[in-house]
Every structure is written in structure tokens, then in C-alpha cells.
Amino acid sequence: MAAAVSLRPAPRMSRGVRAARAVAVTLLLVGGLGYSAWLLEAVLPLGLSPVHSYTTEASALDQPYSRLFRVADVGSGAAFVLAVPFLLRLVPAQFWPRMSVTAIGLFGMNLLVAAAYPLDCARSASEQCRQRIATDEVPTAHWVHVATWTFTVLLYLASCACAERWWPEGFWRRAARTAFVLVLASALGMVALELLAGGRYVGLLERFQLLTMVALLVVGTAYLLDSARLRHAAGLAYRHRTTPPAGRG
């Protein structure tokens, strides 16, 4: 006997869900803007090479705009963390969507830790800094910040992989797959440059990686703004709950 399927319409997006979507989108945009603060290097006299430096070096304690970029990280991290409960209200109550939201929350917390434990100095701008790092004369906070950068790359990859598992086929899923490949390739490229070229040109790859993730964030925000797709996801979850198991004929 075929399973009976409820013919009742999928639930419409309630006022509470619409409000959650508005807050989530706003917080994601705020987080994205804060995370893009490194673009200020185009107008601020940082003294750091966009070709050879990591963007996070702008927040090092020996840099003139350290506080500005650390405040940007705090604002961005707080926005991503605060977005989590609202995103959970929107995404399907399934493993991969919830893992995507978890990755966003962890990313926000990672930014907060990075802001609290800044680099002691900018490696690409100072030979003295490079010598201090080589002889391990920098404080523990410096290495904590380095660890947060490594964790950031892992979160990039996890976010792409999770999104690819539950976003719809077509443009949305292709965007997640493309971002995963680009992030992985740029990360491997940076490792190779560190090992073979003393870190020269890593700035180009890191900035490409950052732009890739900001683009994926924009795509994800656009998905949240597509109310028809959210209603469709809600309808699938509703039919899954109301469809009884198939009986034996």
C-alpha cells in the first residue's frame, strides 16, 4: 500500500519567522561588513603590502590601526554569534543545515578570540618581528592568534561542505562547491608559499580566499531572502512529519 501523503498546504511563513529572517539577514550583513574591514587598506596608510602580508597583521599590536581592526573583528564576531538563534529558526531542523549554523557561530567566536589575542607584531613589515618569531620571543597571545587563523580556514572549508550538502541543486549548490575548491586551493597555495618562498605572495592568495568567503556569505544571505525557497523547505519538513510509514500490502 502506498504511503498516504497529507494534502494540507505547507505552512505559510509566520510573522515570527519573517522577523527572524530580517534580524538574521541584518546580522549577517553587519558581520560581513565588519569582516571586510581589511578593504580599508586601500585608503589607510597601513604600511603593509597587500601582496605579501596577511590581512590580520593590520591588527597587530605594533600597527597604527590595531584598535580599529580589532573593534571590527569584535563587531563582526558578535554579529555572527547573535545570528545563530535566528538562523536556527529559519533552516530545516536537519543535521547539515544546523551544522552550517553551528559553523557560523564558531566562526564568530573565533573572531572574538582573535580580537582578544592579537598578534604581537606584523611579520611582513619588520625583520625584527620575524627574528622574534623565529626565536619564540613573542607572547602566547601571538600564537593563540595564529591558531585562530588556522581554525578560520578549517571553518571556511566546513561551511562550504555543509552548505553543499543541503542547499538546492543548481546555482546554490554549485556556489558552495566552487567556494570549497577555491578555498582549499588557496589554502594549499599559501602553505606552499610559506614553505618554498618564505611567505612571499601569500597576501594575494589570502585576499582571494577572503573575497571567496564573502561572496559565499552573500549567496547564503540571498538564499535567506528567497521566501519561496524557505516556504518550500518548510513544506518538505512538514510533509516529512505528516507522512506515515508505508504499510505492507
Protein backbone atom coordinates (compact mmCIF):
# COMPACT_ATOMS: atom_id res chain seq x y z
CA MET A 1 0.00 0.00 0.00
CA ALA A 2 1.41 3.40 -0.95
CA ALA A 3 2.07 5.82 1.86
CA ALA A 4 -0.62 8.42 2.39
CA VAL A 5 0.56 11.98 1.98
CA SER A 6 -1.17 14.85 3.71
CA LEU A 7 -2.73 17.24 1.19
CA ARG A 8 -2.86 20.14 3.61
CA PRO A 9 -0.79 23.07 2.30
CA ALA A 10 2.65 23.76 3.66
CA PRO A 11 2.61 26.31 6.45
CA ARG A 12 2.96 29.93 5.39
CA MET A 13 5.83 31.97 6.72
CA SER A 14 4.62 33.38 10.03
CA ARG A 15 5.25 36.88 11.28
CA GLY A 16 7.78 35.49 13.76
CA VAL A 17 9.70 33.70 11.02
CA ARG A 18 9.70 36.83 8.86
CA ALA A 19 11.07 38.80 11.82
CA ALA A 20 13.73 36.15 12.45
CA ARG A 21 14.73 36.32 8.80
CA ALA A 22 15.03 40.12 8.91
CA VAL A 23 17.19 40.01 12.04
CA ALA A 24 19.35 37.15 10.72
CA VAL A 25 19.97 38.88 7.39
CA THR A 26 20.81 42.16 9.13
CA LEU A 27 23.27 40.47 11.49
CA LEU A 28 24.90 38.55 8.64
CA LEU A 29 25.33 41.76 6.67
CA VAL A 30 26.81 43.52 9.71
CA GLY A 31 29.15 40.58 10.27
CA GLY A 32 30.16 40.55 6.62
CA LEU A 33 30.88 44.28 6.61
CA GLY A 34 32.96 44.01 9.77
CA TYR A 35 34.86 41.05 8.37
CA SER A 36 35.57 43.07 5.21
CA ALA A 37 37.27 45.86 7.19
CA TRP A 38 40.58 44.77 5.68
CA LEU A 39 39.46 46.55 2.49
CA LEU A 40 40.26 49.79 4.32
CA GLU A 41 43.87 49.07 3.44
CA ALA A 42 43.05 50.75 0.13
CA VAL A 43 42.58 54.12 1.86
CA LEU A 44 44.51 53.87 5.14
CA PRO A 45 48.31 54.24 5.31
CA LEU A 46 48.92 50.85 6.89
CA GLY A 47 52.42 50.32 5.56
CA LEU A 48 51.64 46.65 4.86
CA SER A 49 51.99 45.07 1.45
CA PRO A 50 48.71 43.61 0.14
CA VAL A 51 50.85 41.23 -1.90
CA HIS A 52 52.94 39.74 0.89
CA SER A 53 51.11 40.43 4.19
CA TYR A 54 48.22 38.65 5.86
CA THR A 55 45.24 40.92 6.46
CA THR A 56 45.25 40.01 10.14
CA GLU A 57 48.65 41.72 10.51
CA ALA A 58 46.83 45.06 10.44
CA SER A 59 45.51 44.29 13.93
CA ALA A 60 48.96 43.51 15.36
CA LEU A 61 49.88 45.50 18.44
CA ASP A 62 52.70 47.35 16.69
CA GLN A 63 50.42 48.64 13.91
CA PRO A 64 48.86 52.14 13.93
CA TYR A 65 45.30 50.98 13.30
CA SER A 66 45.38 47.90 15.50
CA ARG A 67 42.44 49.01 17.65
CA LEU A 68 40.27 49.83 14.63
CA PHE A 69 40.64 46.38 13.11
CA ARG A 70 40.23 44.62 16.45
CA VAL A 71 37.00 46.53 17.07
CA ALA A 72 35.85 45.47 13.59
CA ASP A 73 36.58 41.84 14.49
CA VAL A 74 34.64 42.16 17.75
CA GLY A 75 31.63 43.66 15.98
CA SER A 76 31.75 41.07 13.23
CA GLY A 77 32.19 38.15 15.62
CA ALA A 78 29.38 39.32 17.89
CA ALA A 79 27.04 39.72 14.90
CA PHE A 80 27.71 36.18 13.67
CA VAL A 81 27.20 34.71 17.15
CA LEU A 82 23.97 36.65 17.69
CA ALA A 83 22.66 35.48 14.32
CA VAL A 84 22.73 31.81 15.37
CA PRO A 85 19.34 31.55 17.19
CA PHE A 86 17.60 33.41 14.38
CA LEU A 87 19.19 31.22 11.71
CA LEU A 88 18.11 28.10 13.60
CA ARG A 89 14.55 29.42 13.33
CA LEU A 90 14.89 29.55 9.54
CA VAL A 91 16.83 26.49 8.39
CA PRO A 92 15.36 22.98 8.25
CA ALA A 93 15.69 21.07 11.52
CA GLN A 94 18.14 18.61 10.00
CA PHE A 95 21.79 17.79 10.60
CA TRP A 96 23.54 19.62 7.75
CA PRO A 97 21.58 22.88 7.96
CA ARG A 98 22.20 23.01 11.69
CA MET A 99 25.88 22.26 11.17
CA SER A 100 26.01 25.24 8.79
CA VAL A 101 24.58 27.47 11.50
CA THR A 102 26.98 25.98 14.06
CA ALA A 103 29.91 26.82 11.79
CA ILE A 104 28.74 30.44 11.62
CA GLY A 105 28.55 30.61 15.41
CA LEU A 106 32.01 29.09 15.81
CA PHE A 107 33.35 31.50 13.23
CA GLY A 108 32.00 34.41 15.24
CA MET A 109 33.51 33.09 18.46
CA ASN A 110 36.82 32.58 16.68
CA LEU A 111 36.81 36.23 15.61
CA LEU A 112 36.21 37.31 19.20
CA VAL A 113 39.17 35.23 20.38
CA ALA A 114 41.36 36.64 17.60
CA ALA A 115 40.47 40.19 18.67
CA ALA A 116 41.21 39.41 22.32
CA TYR A 117 44.60 37.85 21.48
CA PRO A 118 46.17 39.97 18.72
CA LEU A 119 49.47 39.39 17.01
CA ASP A 120 52.37 40.96 18.86
CA CYS A 121 53.87 42.34 15.65
CA ALA A 122 53.41 42.30 11.88
CA ARG A 123 55.82 39.76 10.45
CA SER A 124 55.84 41.03 6.89
CA ALA A 125 56.70 44.60 7.93
CA SER A 126 59.58 44.01 10.33
CA GLU A 127 62.75 41.95 10.22
CA GLN A 128 62.95 42.31 14.00
CA CYS A 129 59.48 40.77 14.29
CA ARG A 130 60.49 37.85 12.09
CA GLN A 131 63.54 37.23 14.29
CA ARG A 132 61.45 37.36 17.46
CA ILE A 133 59.00 34.86 15.99
CA ALA A 134 61.83 32.57 14.87
CA THR A 135 63.32 32.57 18.38
CA ASP A 136 59.91 32.29 20.06
CA GLU A 137 60.25 35.62 21.85
CA VAL A 138 56.65 36.65 21.22
CA PRO A 139 53.96 36.21 23.91
CA THR A 140 51.49 33.35 24.00
CA ALA A 141 48.75 35.64 22.70
CA HIS A 142 50.60 35.85 19.39
CA TRP A 143 50.42 32.09 18.91
CA VAL A 144 46.79 31.99 20.01
CA HIS A 145 46.03 34.44 17.21
CA VAL A 146 47.95 32.30 14.72
CA ALA A 147 45.87 29.31 15.83
CA THR A 148 42.65 31.25 15.26
CA TRP A 149 43.75 31.95 11.69
CA THR A 150 44.30 28.23 11.08
CA PHE A 151 40.91 27.45 12.62
CA THR A 152 39.35 30.08 10.36
CA VAL A 153 40.47 28.22 7.24
CA LEU A 154 39.05 24.97 8.62
CA LEU A 155 35.75 26.73 9.31
CA TYR A 156 35.74 28.08 5.75
CA LEU A 157 36.00 24.54 4.40
CA ALA A 158 33.43 23.18 6.85
CA SER A 159 30.96 25.93 5.95
CA CYS A 160 31.30 25.23 2.24
CA ALA A 161 30.96 21.48 2.74
CA CYS A 162 27.88 21.81 4.96
CA ALA A 163 26.17 24.24 2.59
CA GLU A 164 26.82 21.90 -0.34
CA ARG A 165 25.03 19.10 1.49
CA TRP A 166 21.68 20.86 1.88
CA TRP A 167 21.44 23.82 -0.49
CA PRO A 168 19.24 23.09 -3.55
CA GLU A 169 20.72 21.70 -6.75
CA GLY A 170 21.69 24.20 -9.38
CA PHE A 171 23.23 27.59 -8.72
CA TRP A 172 23.15 27.35 -4.92
CA ARG A 173 24.95 24.05 -4.63
CA ARG A 174 27.41 24.92 -7.39
CA ALA A 175 28.31 28.08 -5.48
CA ALA A 176 29.14 26.06 -2.36
CA ARG A 177 31.18 23.52 -4.33
CA THR A 178 33.09 26.24 -6.15
CA ALA A 179 33.84 28.06 -2.91
CA PHE A 180 35.13 24.84 -1.33
CA VAL A 181 37.51 24.19 -4.22
CA LEU A 182 38.77 27.79 -4.28
CA VAL A 183 39.30 27.95 -0.51
CA LEU A 184 41.11 24.61 -0.45
CA ALA A 185 43.30 25.53 -3.43
CA SER A 186 44.23 28.91 -1.95
CA ALA A 187 44.98 27.36 1.46
CA LEU A 188 47.29 24.78 -0.11
CA GLY A 189 48.89 27.53 -2.16
CA MET A 190 49.60 29.58 0.97
CA VAL A 191 51.18 26.57 2.68
CA ALA A 192 53.38 26.03 -0.37
CA LEU A 193 54.42 29.69 -0.44
CA GLU A 194 55.28 29.60 3.26
CA LEU A 195 57.46 26.53 2.76
CA LEU A 196 59.06 27.40 -0.57
CA ALA A 197 59.05 31.19 -0.80
CA GLY A 198 59.28 32.37 2.80
CA GLY A 199 55.70 33.60 2.76
CA ARG A 200 56.07 35.92 -0.22
CA TYR A 201 52.87 36.49 -2.22
CA VAL A 202 50.68 34.88 0.44
CA GLY A 203 48.76 38.13 0.70
CA LEU A 204 47.34 37.72 -2.77
CA LEU A 205 46.03 34.23 -2.06
CA GLU A 206 44.65 35.14 1.35
CA ARG A 207 42.74 38.12 -0.02
CA PHE A 208 41.36 35.95 -2.81
CA GLN A 209 40.23 33.46 -0.16
CA LEU A 210 38.55 36.20 1.86
CA LEU A 211 36.69 37.50 -1.18
CA THR A 212 35.54 33.96 -1.94
CA MET A 213 34.04 33.54 1.52
CA VAL A 214 32.39 36.96 1.48
CA ALA A 215 30.84 36.03 -1.86
CA LEU A 216 29.53 32.78 -0.35
CA LEU A 217 28.10 34.74 2.58
CA VAL A 218 26.27 36.98 0.10
CA VAL A 219 24.89 33.91 -1.67
CA GLY A 220 23.72 32.46 1.64
CA THR A 221 22.05 35.73 2.59
CA ALA A 222 20.31 35.81 -0.79
CA TYR A 223 19.04 32.31 -0.09
CA LEU A 224 17.52 33.50 3.19
CA LEU A 225 15.86 36.39 1.36
CA ASP A 226 14.19 33.99 -1.07
CA SER A 227 10.99 33.45 0.91
CA ALA A 228 9.63 30.98 -1.64
CA ARG A 229 12.57 28.65 -1.02
CA LEU A 230 12.17 28.97 2.72
CA ARG A 231 8.49 28.09 2.43
CA HIS A 232 9.43 25.15 0.19
CA ALA A 233 11.92 23.90 2.81
CA ALA A 234 9.28 24.29 5.50
CA GLY A 235 6.84 22.36 3.34
CA LEU A 236 9.26 19.48 2.85
CA ALA A 237 9.84 19.28 6.59
CA TYR A 238 6.07 19.45 7.19
CA ARG A 239 5.30 16.64 4.71
CA HIS A 240 8.08 14.57 6.23
CA ARG A 241 6.45 14.92 9.66
CA THR A 242 2.91 14.20 8.44
CA THR A 243 3.66 11.28 6.10
CA PRO A 244 3.09 7.91 7.86
CA PRO A 245 5.39 4.98 7.12
CA ALA A 246 4.43 2.78 4.21
CA GLY A 247 2.33 -0.22 5.10
CA ARG A 248 2.61 -3.72 3.73
CA GLY A 249 0.19 -4.76 1.02
